[in-house]
C-alpha atoms as a PDB file:
ATOM      1  CA  MET A   1     205.207  47.983 205.492  1.00  0.00           C
ATOM      2  CA  ILE A   2     201.732  46.476 203.674  1.00  0.00           C
ATOM      3  CA  ASP A   3     200.196  46.376 206.965  1.00  0.00           C
ATOM      4  CA  VAL A   4     199.814  49.746 207.576  1.00  0.00           C
ATOM      5  CA  PRO A   5     197.693  50.532 204.081  1.00  0.00           C
ATOM      6  CA  TRP A   6     195.802  47.294 204.828  1.00  0.00           C
ATOM      7  CA  LYS A   7     194.784  48.102 208.417  1.00  0.00           C
ATOM      8  CA  ILE A   8     193.661  51.651 207.125  1.00  0.00           C
ATOM      9  CA  PHE A   9     191.608  50.679 204.277  1.00  0.00           C
ATOM     10  CA  SER A  10     190.122  47.699 206.361  1.00  0.00           C
ATOM     11  CA  GLN A  11     188.895  49.907 209.146  1.00  0.00           C
ATOM     12  CA  THR A  12     187.737  52.721 206.987  1.00  0.00           C
ATOM     13  CA  GLY A  13     187.299  51.463 203.499  1.00  0.00           C
ATOM     14  CA  ASN A  14     189.522  54.381 202.187  1.00  0.00           C
ATOM     15  CA  ILE A  15     189.945  53.345 198.361  1.00  0.00           C
ATOM     16  CA  GLU A  16     193.257  55.658 198.665  1.00  0.00           C
ATOM     17  CA  ALA A  17     194.726  53.195 201.268  1.00  0.00           C
ATOM     18  CA  TYR A  18     193.835  50.228 199.471  1.00  0.00           C
ATOM     19  CA  LEU A  19     195.829  51.723 196.069  1.00  0.00           C
ATOM     20  CA  TRP A  20     198.550  52.629 198.417  1.00  0.00           C
ATOM     21  CA  MET A  21     198.788  49.037 199.653  1.00  0.00           C
ATOM     22  CA  LYS A  22     198.756  47.700 195.770  1.00  0.00           C
ATOM     23  CA  GLN A  23     201.549  50.236 195.043  1.00  0.00           C
ATOM     24  CA  ILE A  24     203.780  48.979 197.225  1.00  0.00           C
ATOM     25  CA  GLU A  25     203.118  45.312 196.259  1.00  0.00           C
ATOM     26  CA  GLU A  26     203.814  46.582 192.675  1.00  0.00           C
ATOM     27  CA  ASP A  27     206.846  48.412 193.898  1.00  0.00           C
ATOM     28  CA  SER A  28     208.059  45.435 195.728  1.00  0.00           C
ATOM     29  CA  THR A  29     207.638  42.521 192.595  1.00  0.00           C
ATOM     30  CA  GLU A  30     209.456  45.159 190.612  1.00  0.00           C
ATOM     31  CA  LEU A  31     212.154  45.517 193.027  1.00  0.00           C
ATOM     32  CA  ASP A  32     212.155  41.645 193.597  1.00  0.00           C
ATOM     33  CA  GLN A  33     212.659  41.143 189.484  1.00  0.00           C
ATOM     34  CA  ASP A  34     215.286  43.828 189.007  1.00  0.00           C
ATOM     35  CA  SER A  35     217.482  41.860 191.819  1.00  0.00           C
ATOM     36  CA  LEU A  36     216.707  38.497 190.269  1.00  0.00           C
ATOM     37  CA  ASP A  37     217.763  40.464 186.711  1.00  0.00           C
ATOM     38  CA  ASN A  38     220.443  41.795 188.045  1.00  0.00           C
ATOM     39  CA  SER A  39     221.707  38.789 189.744  1.00  0.00           C
ATOM     40  CA  LEU A  40     221.603  36.571 186.493  1.00  0.00           C
ATOM     41  CA  VAL A  41     223.673  39.466 184.716  1.00  0.00           C
ATOM     42  CA  GLU A  42     226.429  39.098 187.161  1.00  0.00           C
ATOM     43  CA  ASP A  43     226.430  35.337 187.266  1.00  0.00           C
ATOM     44  CA  SER A  44     226.798  35.274 183.635  1.00  0.00           C
ATOM     45  CA  HIS A  45     230.194  37.513 183.308  1.00  0.00           C
ATOM     46  CA  TYR A  46     232.098  34.093 184.921  1.00  0.00           C
END
């Protein structure tokens, strides 16, 4: 998914595309962290 905003930014220099890409990266990192946190909580119930 991150390829689309990067291609737009690299071809046009559009700062909105760059910010969109950074938002996708941030959201992805948050989702990964949430998944890790949830799996740790589930494991602790055993």
